[in-house]
Amino acid sequence: MGPLKPNLIELIVGLITFFAVFAALAKVLLPRIDKTLAEREEATVGTFERAEAVQREAKRVRNEYQAELSAARHEASQIRQAAHEEGLALLAAVRSEGQKAREEMIAATTVQLEADRVIAEAELREHVLGLATELAGRIIGEPLTDMDRARAVADEFFADAEADTKS
């Protein structure tokens, strides 16, 4: 017999054996293989989905962080601006107070200098009057005792001198 004409019994036994092995494989082995493949697929897909969920959560947290960071930068900028403006206002207030104190000091010093000048001028006039009277007495050869008359002459002289300096 040859390959083109097989023995009928061997062919039937071979076919029964083939279908028995095929049925055993289909009933026992293939469900186990399908179950293992499904578990692997589920593990792969589940892991991928969990990775995507973690990635979405990470992006959400990053966006929240960026928003908070931006808000903090904006707030810091506002605080810096407010502090700068407050500093400028304080500086202006201190300058104003300093200017006011300076003007008060200048006014007080001017008043004091004017009072000192008047006192010094009066003392100088008295001293000059005394020296002029004494000198006139020496020139004449006798002491001058009429102080009222000497004072009137000296006052007239000083008034003329002040009028000349103001002109």
N, C-alpha and C. Protein backbone atom coordinates (compact mmCIF):
# COMPACT_ATOMS: atom_id res chain seq x y z
N MET A 1 0.79 -1.11 0.00
CA MET A 1 0.00 0.00 0.00
C MET A 1 0.87 1.23 0.00
N GLY A 2 0.65 2.14 -0.23
CA GLY A 2 1.53 3.29 -0.31
C GLY A 2 0.85 4.52 0.28
N PRO A 3 1.48 5.58 0.11
CA PRO A 3 0.93 6.77 0.68
C PRO A 3 -0.35 7.24 -0.02
N LEU A 4 -0.53 6.78 -1.25
CA LEU A 4 -1.71 7.20 -1.93
C LEU A 4 -2.90 6.29 -1.63
N LYS A 5 -2.63 5.08 -1.18
CA LYS A 5 -3.68 4.15 -0.83
C LYS A 5 -3.42 3.65 0.57
N PRO A 6 -3.87 4.36 1.62
CA PRO A 6 -3.57 3.94 2.97
C PRO A 6 -4.46 2.75 3.38
N ASN A 7 -3.98 2.12 4.45
CA ASN A 7 -4.72 1.00 5.02
C ASN A 7 -5.89 1.62 5.76
N LEU A 8 -7.08 1.10 5.53
CA LEU A 8 -8.29 1.67 6.06
C LEU A 8 -8.32 1.59 7.58
N ILE A 9 -7.90 0.57 8.17
CA ILE A 9 -7.94 0.41 9.62
C ILE A 9 -6.96 1.41 10.24
N GLU A 10 -5.80 1.51 9.68
CA GLU A 10 -4.81 2.44 10.24
C GLU A 10 -5.34 3.88 10.09
N LEU A 11 -6.01 4.13 9.00
CA LEU A 11 -6.54 5.46 8.79
C LEU A 11 -7.64 5.76 9.81
N ILE A 12 -8.50 4.83 10.08
CA ILE A 12 -9.58 5.05 11.04
C ILE A 12 -9.00 5.18 12.43
N VAL A 13 -8.05 4.32 12.80
CA VAL A 13 -7.43 4.41 14.12
C VAL A 13 -6.69 5.74 14.23
N GLY A 14 -6.05 6.14 13.20
CA GLY A 14 -5.33 7.42 13.22
C GLY A 14 -6.27 8.60 13.37
N LEU A 15 -7.41 8.51 12.65
CA LEU A 15 -8.38 9.60 12.75
C LEU A 15 -9.02 9.64 14.13
N ILE A 16 -9.36 8.46 14.70
CA ILE A 16 -9.95 8.41 16.05
C ILE A 16 -8.95 8.95 17.05
N THR A 17 -7.72 8.55 16.95
CA THR A 17 -6.69 9.03 17.87
C THR A 17 -6.51 10.55 17.71
N PHE A 18 -6.51 11.00 16.45
CA PHE A 18 -6.34 12.45 16.22
C PHE A 18 -7.49 13.24 16.86
N PHE A 19 -8.75 12.76 16.65
CA PHE A 19 -9.89 13.48 17.22
C PHE A 19 -9.92 13.36 18.74
N ALA A 20 -9.45 12.27 19.31
CA ALA A 20 -9.39 12.10 20.76
C ALA A 20 -8.38 13.08 21.36
N VAL A 21 -7.23 13.14 20.72
CA VAL A 21 -6.20 14.08 21.20
C VAL A 21 -6.69 15.51 21.01
N PHE A 22 -7.35 15.77 19.84
CA PHE A 22 -7.86 17.11 19.58
C PHE A 22 -8.93 17.50 20.60
N ALA A 23 -9.83 16.54 20.92
CA ALA A 23 -10.88 16.80 21.90
C ALA A 23 -10.29 17.03 23.27
N ALA A 24 -9.27 16.26 23.64
CA ALA A 24 -8.62 16.43 24.95
C ALA A 24 -7.95 17.80 25.01
N LEU A 25 -7.29 18.14 23.95
CA LEU A 25 -6.64 19.45 23.92
C LEU A 25 -7.68 20.57 23.98
N ALA A 26 -8.77 20.42 23.22
CA ALA A 26 -9.79 21.46 23.17
C ALA A 26 -10.50 21.58 24.51
N LYS A 27 -10.73 20.46 25.21
CA LYS A 27 -11.46 20.50 26.47
C LYS A 27 -10.58 20.86 27.65
N VAL A 28 -9.35 20.46 27.68
CA VAL A 28 -8.51 20.65 28.86
C VAL A 28 -7.45 21.72 28.64
N LEU A 29 -6.68 21.58 27.65
CA LEU A 29 -5.51 22.42 27.48
C LEU A 29 -5.85 23.80 26.91
N LEU A 30 -6.70 23.88 25.92
CA LEU A 30 -7.01 25.16 25.31
C LEU A 30 -7.71 26.12 26.29
N PRO A 31 -8.67 25.66 27.14
CA PRO A 31 -9.23 26.61 28.11
C PRO A 31 -8.18 27.16 29.08
N ARG A 32 -7.25 26.29 29.48
CA ARG A 32 -6.18 26.77 30.37
C ARG A 32 -5.30 27.80 29.66
N ILE A 33 -5.00 27.51 28.42
CA ILE A 33 -4.17 28.45 27.65
C ILE A 33 -4.95 29.76 27.46
N ASP A 34 -6.26 29.66 27.12
CA ASP A 34 -7.07 30.88 26.97
C ASP A 34 -7.15 31.67 28.27
N LYS A 35 -7.31 30.93 29.37
CA LYS A 35 -7.38 31.58 30.69
C LYS A 35 -6.08 32.31 31.00
N THR A 36 -4.96 31.68 30.77
CA THR A 36 -3.65 32.29 31.03
C THR A 36 -3.45 33.51 30.12
N LEU A 37 -3.81 33.38 28.85
CA LEU A 37 -3.68 34.51 27.92
C LEU A 37 -4.59 35.66 28.33
N ALA A 38 -5.82 35.32 28.79
CA ALA A 38 -6.74 36.37 29.24
C ALA A 38 -6.20 37.07 30.48
N GLU A 39 -5.63 36.30 31.40
CA GLU A 39 -5.04 36.90 32.61
C GLU A 39 -3.88 37.82 32.24
N ARG A 40 -3.06 37.34 31.30
CA ARG A 40 -1.92 38.17 30.87
C ARG A 40 -2.44 39.44 30.17
N GLU A 41 -3.45 39.28 29.33
CA GLU A 41 -4.02 40.43 28.64
C GLU A 41 -4.61 41.41 29.65
N GLU A 42 -5.35 40.85 30.61
CA GLU A 42 -5.94 41.71 31.65
C GLU A 42 -4.87 42.40 32.47
N ALA A 43 -3.81 41.68 32.81
CA ALA A 43 -2.72 42.27 33.58
C ALA A 43 -2.04 43.36 32.77
N THR A 44 -1.85 43.09 31.48
CA THR A 44 -1.20 44.08 30.62
C THR A 44 -2.09 45.30 30.44
N VAL A 45 -3.35 45.06 30.11
CA VAL A 45 -4.28 46.17 29.90
C VAL A 45 -4.51 46.90 31.22
N GLY A 46 -4.68 46.17 32.31
CA GLY A 46 -4.89 46.79 33.63
C GLY A 46 -3.70 47.64 34.04
N THR A 47 -2.51 47.09 33.83
CA THR A 47 -1.30 47.84 34.17
C THR A 47 -1.21 49.10 33.30
N PHE A 48 -1.54 48.96 32.03
CA PHE A 48 -1.50 50.10 31.12
C PHE A 48 -2.53 51.15 31.55
N GLU A 49 -3.74 50.70 31.90
CA GLU A 49 -4.77 51.63 32.35
C GLU A 49 -4.38 52.30 33.67
N ARG A 50 -3.80 51.51 34.58
CA ARG A 50 -3.33 52.10 35.85
C ARG A 50 -2.21 53.11 35.59
N ALA A 51 -1.33 52.78 34.64
CA ALA A 51 -0.25 53.71 34.30
C ALA A 51 -0.82 55.00 33.72
N GLU A 52 -1.83 54.87 32.87
CA GLU A 52 -2.47 56.06 32.32
C GLU A 52 -3.16 56.87 33.41
N ALA A 53 -3.83 56.17 34.35
CA ALA A 53 -4.49 56.87 35.46
C ALA A 53 -3.47 57.59 36.32
N VAL A 54 -2.35 56.92 36.60
CA VAL A 54 -1.30 57.55 37.40
C VAL A 54 -0.74 58.76 36.64
N GLN A 55 -0.58 58.60 35.33
CA GLN A 55 -0.05 59.71 34.54
C GLN A 55 -1.03 60.89 34.53
N ARG A 56 -2.33 60.61 34.39
CA ARG A 56 -3.32 61.68 34.45
C ARG A 56 -3.31 62.37 35.81
N GLU A 57 -3.21 61.58 36.87
CA GLU A 57 -3.15 62.14 38.23
C GLU A 57 -1.90 63.01 38.39
N ALA A 58 -0.78 62.52 37.86
CA ALA A 58 0.47 63.29 37.94
C ALA A 58 0.33 64.61 37.19
N LYS A 59 -0.32 64.58 36.02
CA LYS A 59 -0.52 65.82 35.27
C LYS A 59 -1.44 66.77 36.03
N ARG A 60 -2.49 66.23 36.64
CA ARG A 60 -3.41 67.06 37.42
C ARG A 60 -2.68 67.71 38.59
N VAL A 61 -1.88 66.90 39.31
CA VAL A 61 -1.13 67.44 40.45
C VAL A 61 -0.12 68.48 39.98
N ARG A 62 0.52 68.20 38.83
CA ARG A 62 1.49 69.16 38.29
C ARG A 62 0.80 70.47 37.92
N ASN A 63 -0.37 70.38 37.30
CA ASN A 63 -1.11 71.60 36.94
C ASN A 63 -1.54 72.37 38.18
N GLU A 64 -1.98 71.65 39.22
CA GLU A 64 -2.33 72.32 40.48
C GLU A 64 -1.11 73.01 41.08
N TYR A 65 0.02 72.30 41.05
CA TYR A 65 1.26 72.87 41.58
C TYR A 65 1.65 74.12 40.80
N GLN A 66 1.56 74.04 39.47
CA GLN A 66 1.90 75.20 38.64
C GLN A 66 0.96 76.37 38.93
N ALA A 67 -0.33 76.06 39.13
CA ALA A 67 -1.29 77.13 39.44
C ALA A 67 -0.98 77.74 40.80
N GLU A 68 -0.68 76.91 41.79
CA GLU A 68 -0.34 77.43 43.12
C GLU A 68 0.96 78.23 43.07
N LEU A 69 1.92 77.73 42.31
CA LEU A 69 3.20 78.44 42.18
C LEU A 69 2.99 79.79 41.50
N SER A 70 2.17 79.81 40.48
CA SER A 70 1.87 81.06 39.79
C SER A 70 1.16 82.03 40.73
N ALA A 71 0.19 81.51 41.50
CA ALA A 71 -0.52 82.36 42.45
C ALA A 71 0.44 82.89 43.51
N ALA A 72 1.35 82.04 43.98
CA ALA A 72 2.32 82.48 44.99
C ALA A 72 3.26 83.54 44.42
N ARG A 73 3.67 83.37 43.17
CA ARG A 73 4.54 84.37 42.55
C ARG A 73 3.79 85.70 42.40
N HIS A 74 2.54 85.61 41.99
CA HIS A 74 1.73 86.82 41.85
C HIS A 74 1.55 87.51 43.19
N GLU A 75 1.27 86.73 44.22
CA GLU A 75 1.10 87.29 45.56
C GLU A 75 2.40 87.92 46.05
N ALA A 76 3.52 87.24 45.81
CA ALA A 76 4.83 87.78 46.21
C ALA A 76 5.10 89.09 45.48
N SER A 77 4.73 89.14 44.20
CA SER A 77 4.91 90.37 43.44
C SER A 77 4.06 91.50 44.01
N GLN A 78 2.83 91.19 44.38
CA GLN A 78 1.95 92.20 44.97
C GLN A 78 2.51 92.66 46.32
N ILE A 79 3.01 91.72 47.12
CA ILE A 79 3.58 92.08 48.42
C ILE A 79 4.80 92.97 48.22
N ARG A 80 5.67 92.59 47.25
CA ARG A 80 6.85 93.42 46.97
C ARG A 80 6.44 94.82 46.53
N GLN A 81 5.43 94.90 45.65
CA GLN A 81 4.96 96.20 45.16
C GLN A 81 4.38 97.03 46.31
N ALA A 82 3.58 96.38 47.17
CA ALA A 82 2.99 97.10 48.30
C ALA A 82 4.08 97.58 49.25
N ALA A 83 5.08 96.73 49.51
CA ALA A 83 6.18 97.13 50.39
C ALA A 83 6.96 98.29 49.77
N HIS A 84 7.17 98.23 48.47
CA HIS A 84 7.88 99.32 47.78
C HIS A 84 7.11 100.63 47.91
N GLU A 85 5.80 100.55 47.66
CA GLU A 85 4.98 101.76 47.76
C GLU A 85 4.93 102.27 49.19
N GLU A 86 4.83 101.35 50.16
CA GLU A 86 4.82 101.76 51.57
C GLU A 86 6.15 102.40 51.94
N GLY A 87 7.24 101.83 51.43
CA GLY A 87 8.56 102.40 51.68
C GLY A 87 8.68 103.81 51.11
N LEU A 88 8.17 103.98 49.88
CA LEU A 88 8.21 105.31 49.27
C LEU A 88 7.37 106.30 50.08
N ALA A 89 6.21 105.84 50.56
CA ALA A 89 5.35 106.72 51.36
C ALA A 89 6.04 107.09 52.68
N LEU A 90 6.66 106.10 53.32
CA LEU A 90 7.38 106.38 54.57
C LEU A 90 8.55 107.32 54.31
N LEU A 91 9.25 107.09 53.22
CA LEU A 91 10.38 107.95 52.89
C LEU A 91 9.90 109.38 52.65
N ALA A 92 8.79 109.53 51.94
CA ALA A 92 8.24 110.86 51.70
C ALA A 92 7.81 111.52 53.01
N ALA A 93 7.20 110.73 53.91
CA ALA A 93 6.77 111.27 55.20
C ALA A 93 7.98 111.70 56.03
N VAL A 94 9.02 110.87 56.04
CA VAL A 94 10.23 111.22 56.80
C VAL A 94 10.88 112.46 56.21
N ARG A 95 10.93 112.53 54.88
CA ARG A 95 11.50 113.72 54.24
C ARG A 95 10.69 114.96 54.60
N SER A 96 9.37 114.82 54.58
CA SER A 96 8.50 115.95 54.90
C SER A 96 8.73 116.40 56.34
N GLU A 97 8.79 115.42 57.25
CA GLU A 97 9.04 115.76 58.65
C GLU A 97 10.41 116.41 58.81
N GLY A 98 11.41 115.87 58.10
CA GLY A 98 12.75 116.43 58.16
C GLY A 98 12.78 117.86 57.62
N GLN A 99 12.08 118.07 56.51
CA GLN A 99 12.01 119.41 55.92
C GLN A 99 11.33 120.38 56.89
N LYS A 100 10.24 119.91 57.50
CA LYS A 100 9.51 120.76 58.46
C LYS A 100 10.40 121.10 59.65
N ALA A 101 11.11 120.09 60.18
CA ALA A 101 12.00 120.32 61.31
C ALA A 101 13.13 121.27 60.92
N ARG A 102 13.64 121.11 59.67
CA ARG A 102 14.71 121.99 59.20
C ARG A 102 14.21 123.43 59.12
N GLU A 103 13.00 123.61 58.57
CA GLU A 103 12.45 124.96 58.46
C GLU A 103 12.21 125.57 59.83
N GLU A 104 11.73 124.75 60.78
CA GLU A 104 11.52 125.26 62.14
C GLU A 104 12.85 125.67 62.77
N MET A 105 13.88 124.83 62.54
CA MET A 105 15.19 125.15 63.10
C MET A 105 15.76 126.43 62.48
N ILE A 106 15.57 126.57 61.16
CA ILE A 106 16.07 127.77 60.48
C ILE A 106 15.33 129.00 61.00
N ALA A 107 14.00 128.88 61.17
CA ALA A 107 13.22 130.02 61.68
C ALA A 107 13.66 130.37 63.10
N ALA A 108 13.82 129.35 63.94
CA ALA A 108 14.24 129.62 65.32
C ALA A 108 15.65 130.22 65.35
N THR A 109 16.52 129.69 64.51
CA THR A 109 17.89 130.22 64.47
C THR A 109 17.90 131.64 63.94
N THR A 110 17.07 131.91 62.93
CA THR A 110 16.99 133.27 62.39
C THR A 110 16.51 134.25 63.45
N VAL A 111 15.47 133.84 64.20
CA VAL A 111 14.95 134.70 65.28
C VAL A 111 16.04 134.92 66.34
N GLN A 112 16.72 133.82 66.69
CA GLN A 112 17.78 133.93 67.71
C GLN A 112 18.91 134.83 67.22
N LEU A 113 19.31 134.66 65.95
CA LEU A 113 20.38 135.51 65.41
C LEU A 113 19.96 136.98 65.38
N GLU A 114 18.71 137.23 65.00
CA GLU A 114 18.22 138.61 64.98
C GLU A 114 18.23 139.20 66.39
N ALA A 115 17.79 138.40 67.36
CA ALA A 115 17.80 138.89 68.75
C ALA A 115 19.22 139.14 69.21
N ASP A 116 20.14 138.22 68.89
CA ASP A 116 21.55 138.40 69.27
C ASP A 116 22.14 139.62 68.58
N ARG A 117 21.75 139.85 67.31
CA ARG A 117 22.27 141.02 66.59
C ARG A 117 21.79 142.31 67.24
N VAL A 118 20.49 142.33 67.60
CA VAL A 118 19.95 143.53 68.24
C VAL A 118 20.65 143.79 69.58
N ILE A 119 20.83 142.71 70.35
CA ILE A 119 21.51 142.87 71.66
C ILE A 119 22.94 143.33 71.46
N ALA A 120 23.65 142.67 70.49
CA ALA A 120 25.05 143.05 70.24
C ALA A 120 25.13 144.49 69.74
N GLU A 121 24.18 144.90 68.89
CA GLU A 121 24.18 146.27 68.39
C GLU A 121 23.95 147.26 69.53
N ALA A 122 23.02 146.94 70.43
CA ALA A 122 22.75 147.84 71.56
C ALA A 122 23.97 147.93 72.46
N GLU A 123 24.59 146.78 72.74
CA GLU A 123 25.79 146.79 73.60
C GLU A 123 26.92 147.56 72.92
N LEU A 124 27.05 147.34 71.59
CA LEU A 124 28.10 148.05 70.85
C LEU A 124 27.85 149.56 70.84
N ARG A 125 26.57 149.95 70.68
CA ARG A 125 26.25 151.39 70.72
C ARG A 125 26.61 151.98 72.08
N GLU A 126 26.28 151.29 73.13
CA GLU A 126 26.61 151.79 74.48
C GLU A 126 28.12 151.90 74.65
N HIS A 127 28.79 150.85 74.16
CA HIS A 127 30.24 150.87 74.30
C HIS A 127 30.85 152.00 73.47
N VAL A 128 30.35 152.14 72.20
CA VAL A 128 30.86 153.20 71.33
C VAL A 128 30.53 154.57 71.92
N LEU A 129 29.34 154.72 72.48
CA LEU A 129 28.94 155.99 73.11
C LEU A 129 29.88 156.32 74.27
N GLY A 130 30.17 155.28 75.09
CA GLY A 130 31.09 155.52 76.20
C GLY A 130 32.47 155.91 75.72
N LEU A 131 32.97 155.18 74.69
CA LEU A 131 34.30 155.51 74.16
C LEU A 131 34.32 156.88 73.50
N ALA A 132 33.24 157.21 72.73
CA ALA A 132 33.18 158.51 72.06
C ALA A 132 33.13 159.64 73.09
N THR A 133 32.33 159.43 74.16
CA THR A 133 32.24 160.46 75.20
C THR A 133 33.59 160.64 75.88
N GLU A 134 34.24 159.56 76.19
CA GLU A 134 35.55 159.63 76.85
C GLU A 134 36.57 160.29 75.93
N LEU A 135 36.55 159.93 74.63
CA LEU A 135 37.48 160.50 73.67
C LEU A 135 37.20 162.00 73.49
N ALA A 136 35.91 162.35 73.42
CA ALA A 136 35.56 163.78 73.27
C ALA A 136 36.02 164.55 74.51
N GLY A 137 35.87 163.93 75.68
CA GLY A 137 36.32 164.59 76.90
C GLY A 137 37.82 164.79 76.90
N ARG A 138 38.58 163.85 76.39
CA ARG A 138 40.03 163.98 76.34
C ARG A 138 40.44 165.07 75.35
N ILE A 139 39.68 165.10 74.22
CA ILE A 139 40.01 166.10 73.21
C ILE A 139 39.73 167.50 73.77
N ILE A 140 38.61 167.66 74.45
CA ILE A 140 38.23 168.96 75.00
C ILE A 140 39.08 169.28 76.21
N GLY A 141 39.44 168.30 76.93
CA GLY A 141 40.26 168.52 78.10
C GLY A 141 39.47 168.45 79.37
N GLU A 142 38.21 168.23 79.31
CA GLU A 142 37.41 168.06 80.52
C GLU A 142 36.37 166.97 80.29
N PRO A 143 36.00 166.29 81.30
CA PRO A 143 35.05 165.17 81.13
C PRO A 143 33.65 165.67 80.77
N LEU A 144 33.00 164.93 79.91
CA LEU A 144 31.64 165.27 79.51
C LEU A 144 30.70 164.47 80.41
N THR A 145 29.80 165.20 81.06
CA THR A 145 28.90 164.53 81.99
C THR A 145 27.46 164.51 81.51
N ASP A 146 27.17 165.22 80.46
CA ASP A 146 25.79 165.25 79.95
C ASP A 146 25.59 164.03 79.03
N MET A 147 25.25 162.93 79.64
CA MET A 147 25.10 161.65 78.92
C MET A 147 23.85 161.67 78.04
N ASP A 148 22.79 162.37 78.46
CA ASP A 148 21.58 162.42 77.65
C ASP A 148 21.86 163.10 76.31
N ARG A 149 22.59 164.19 76.39
CA ARG A 149 22.93 164.91 75.15
C ARG A 149 23.84 164.05 74.29
N ALA A 150 24.81 163.38 74.86
CA ALA A 150 25.73 162.52 74.11
C ALA A 150 24.95 161.35 73.48
N ARG A 151 24.00 160.80 74.22
CA ARG A 151 23.19 159.68 73.71
C ARG A 151 22.35 160.15 72.51
N ALA A 152 21.78 161.35 72.58
CA ALA A 152 20.96 161.89 71.50
C ALA A 152 21.82 162.10 70.25
N VAL A 153 23.03 162.61 70.41
CA VAL A 153 23.94 162.83 69.27
C VAL A 153 24.31 161.49 68.66
N ALA A 154 24.61 160.48 69.51
CA ALA A 154 25.01 159.16 69.02
C ALA A 154 23.84 158.48 68.31
N ASP A 155 22.63 158.59 68.85
CA ASP A 155 21.46 157.97 68.20
C ASP A 155 21.22 158.59 66.82
N GLU A 156 21.39 159.89 66.73
CA GLU A 156 21.22 160.57 65.45
C GLU A 156 22.28 160.10 64.46
N PHE A 157 23.53 159.94 64.93
CA PHE A 157 24.62 159.47 64.08
C PHE A 157 24.32 158.05 63.56
N PHE A 158 23.91 157.17 64.46
CA PHE A 158 23.62 155.78 64.06
C PHE A 158 22.43 155.71 63.11
N ALA A 159 21.43 156.55 63.29
CA ALA A 159 20.29 156.57 62.39
C ALA A 159 20.72 157.01 61.00
N ASP A 160 21.58 158.00 60.93
CA ASP A 160 22.11 158.44 59.64
C ASP A 160 22.94 157.32 58.99
N ALA A 161 23.73 156.62 59.79
CA ALA A 161 24.57 155.55 59.27
C ALA A 161 23.72 154.40 58.72
N GLU A 162 22.64 154.06 59.43
CA GLU A 162 21.75 152.99 58.97
C GLU A 162 21.02 153.40 57.69
N ALA A 163 20.66 154.68 57.61
CA ALA A 163 19.97 155.16 56.40
C ALA A 163 20.92 155.09 55.21
N ASP A 164 22.19 155.38 55.42
CA ASP A 164 23.16 155.33 54.33
C ASP A 164 23.40 153.90 53.87
N THR A 165 23.41 152.93 54.79
CA THR A 165 23.67 151.54 54.41
C THR A 165 22.45 150.91 53.72
N LYS A 166 21.26 151.36 54.05
CA LYS A 166 20.04 150.81 53.43
C LYS A 166 19.83 151.38 52.03
N SER A 167 20.38 152.54 51.73
CA SER A 167 20.19 153.18 50.43
C SER A 167 21.05 152.57 49.39
